[in-house]
Amino acid sequence: MEDEEIMECIQEFPEHYKVILDRLNEQREQDQFTDITLIVDGHHFKAHKAVLAACSHVLSTLFQHRKDIDLLERVQRRPPG
């Protein structure tokens, strides 16, 4: 492929990231490929570890060092103040 052809391909999908994020959210809502459940105050939230790790350095580090985590049992909210 020539450089011009590559640039054409890139220019055709300038907002591809939105499609990816929408699709990841749809997959989460349909419980497709979710690999962790967060429980906060009794509410269960299915999620993708890769998305959480991309958004949180703390969770990224946790997932890297704790390979055995399938279910993150509790995420405690800190009291305000």
Protein backbone atom coordinates (compact mmCIF):
# COMPACT_ATOMS: atom_id res chain seq x y z
CA MET A 1 0.00 0.00 0.00
CA GLU A 2 1.28 3.42 -0.83
CA ASP A 3 1.31 6.29 1.66
CA GLU A 4 -1.51 8.06 -0.21
CA GLU A 5 -3.75 4.99 0.05
CA ILE A 6 -3.07 4.73 3.77
CA MET A 7 -3.97 8.40 4.29
CA GLU A 8 -7.22 7.94 2.34
CA CYS A 9 -8.19 5.05 4.60
CA ILE A 10 -7.45 7.06 7.74
CA GLN A 11 -9.36 10.08 6.46
CA GLU A 12 -12.46 7.99 5.77
CA PHE A 13 -12.92 7.20 9.48
CA PRO A 14 -12.06 10.38 11.40
CA GLU A 15 -14.55 9.62 14.19
CA HIS A 16 -14.01 5.88 14.36
CA TYR A 17 -13.30 6.16 18.10
CA LYS A 18 -16.96 7.08 18.67
CA VAL A 19 -18.08 3.92 16.89
CA ILE A 20 -15.71 1.84 19.00
CA LEU A 21 -16.89 3.41 22.27
CA ASP A 22 -20.55 2.98 21.29
CA ARG A 23 -19.95 -0.66 20.40
CA LEU A 24 -18.08 -1.34 23.65
CA ASN A 25 -20.99 0.17 25.57
CA GLU A 26 -23.51 -1.94 23.63
CA GLN A 27 -21.47 -5.05 24.39
CA ARG A 28 -21.38 -4.13 28.08
CA GLU A 29 -25.14 -3.52 28.17
CA GLN A 30 -25.74 -6.92 26.53
CA ASP A 31 -23.20 -8.58 28.88
CA GLN A 32 -21.00 -9.55 25.94
CA PHE A 33 -17.32 -10.02 26.72
CA THR A 34 -17.58 -8.43 30.16
CA ASP A 35 -14.90 -9.87 32.38
CA ILE A 36 -15.41 -8.17 35.73
CA THR A 37 -18.28 -7.19 37.99
CA LEU A 38 -17.97 -4.21 40.31
CA ILE A 39 -20.27 -4.14 43.32
CA VAL A 40 -20.91 -0.71 44.79
CA ASP A 41 -23.39 -0.35 47.63
CA GLY A 42 -25.09 -3.56 46.54
CA HIS A 43 -25.39 -2.53 42.89
CA HIS A 44 -23.67 -4.78 40.33
CA PHE A 45 -21.89 -3.23 37.34
CA LYS A 46 -20.56 -5.48 34.58
CA ALA A 47 -17.54 -4.05 32.81
CA HIS A 48 -14.57 -4.68 30.55
CA LYS A 49 -11.24 -4.71 32.40
CA ALA A 50 -9.48 -3.17 29.40
CA VAL A 51 -11.80 -0.15 29.44
CA LEU A 52 -11.48 0.28 33.21
CA ALA A 53 -7.70 -0.03 33.02
CA ALA A 54 -7.55 2.56 30.25
CA CYS A 55 -9.50 5.00 32.43
CA SER A 56 -7.83 4.33 35.79
CA HIS A 57 -4.16 3.95 36.65
CA VAL A 58 -5.15 2.37 39.98
CA LEU A 59 -7.29 -0.31 38.33
CA SER A 60 -4.69 -0.86 35.62
CA THR A 61 -2.06 -1.57 38.28
CA LEU A 62 -4.46 -3.80 40.21
CA PHE A 63 -5.30 -5.87 37.13
CA GLN A 64 -1.63 -6.20 36.18
CA HIS A 65 -0.57 -7.48 39.59
CA ARG A 66 -3.65 -9.53 40.46
CA LYS A 67 -4.18 -11.85 37.50
CA ASP A 68 -6.58 -13.98 39.55
CA ILE A 69 -9.25 -11.29 39.85
CA ASP A 70 -12.43 -12.45 38.14
CA LEU A 71 -14.84 -10.56 40.36
CA LEU A 72 -13.91 -7.41 42.19
CA GLU A 73 -16.15 -8.04 45.15
CA ARG A 74 -16.36 -4.64 46.74
CA VAL A 75 -15.64 -1.11 45.70
CA GLN A 76 -16.18 0.95 48.81
CA ARG A 77 -17.16 4.55 48.47
CA ARG A 78 -15.34 6.83 50.83
CA PRO A 79 -17.51 9.00 53.04
CA PRO A 80 -17.67 12.60 51.82
CA GLY A 81 -15.35 15.10 53.47
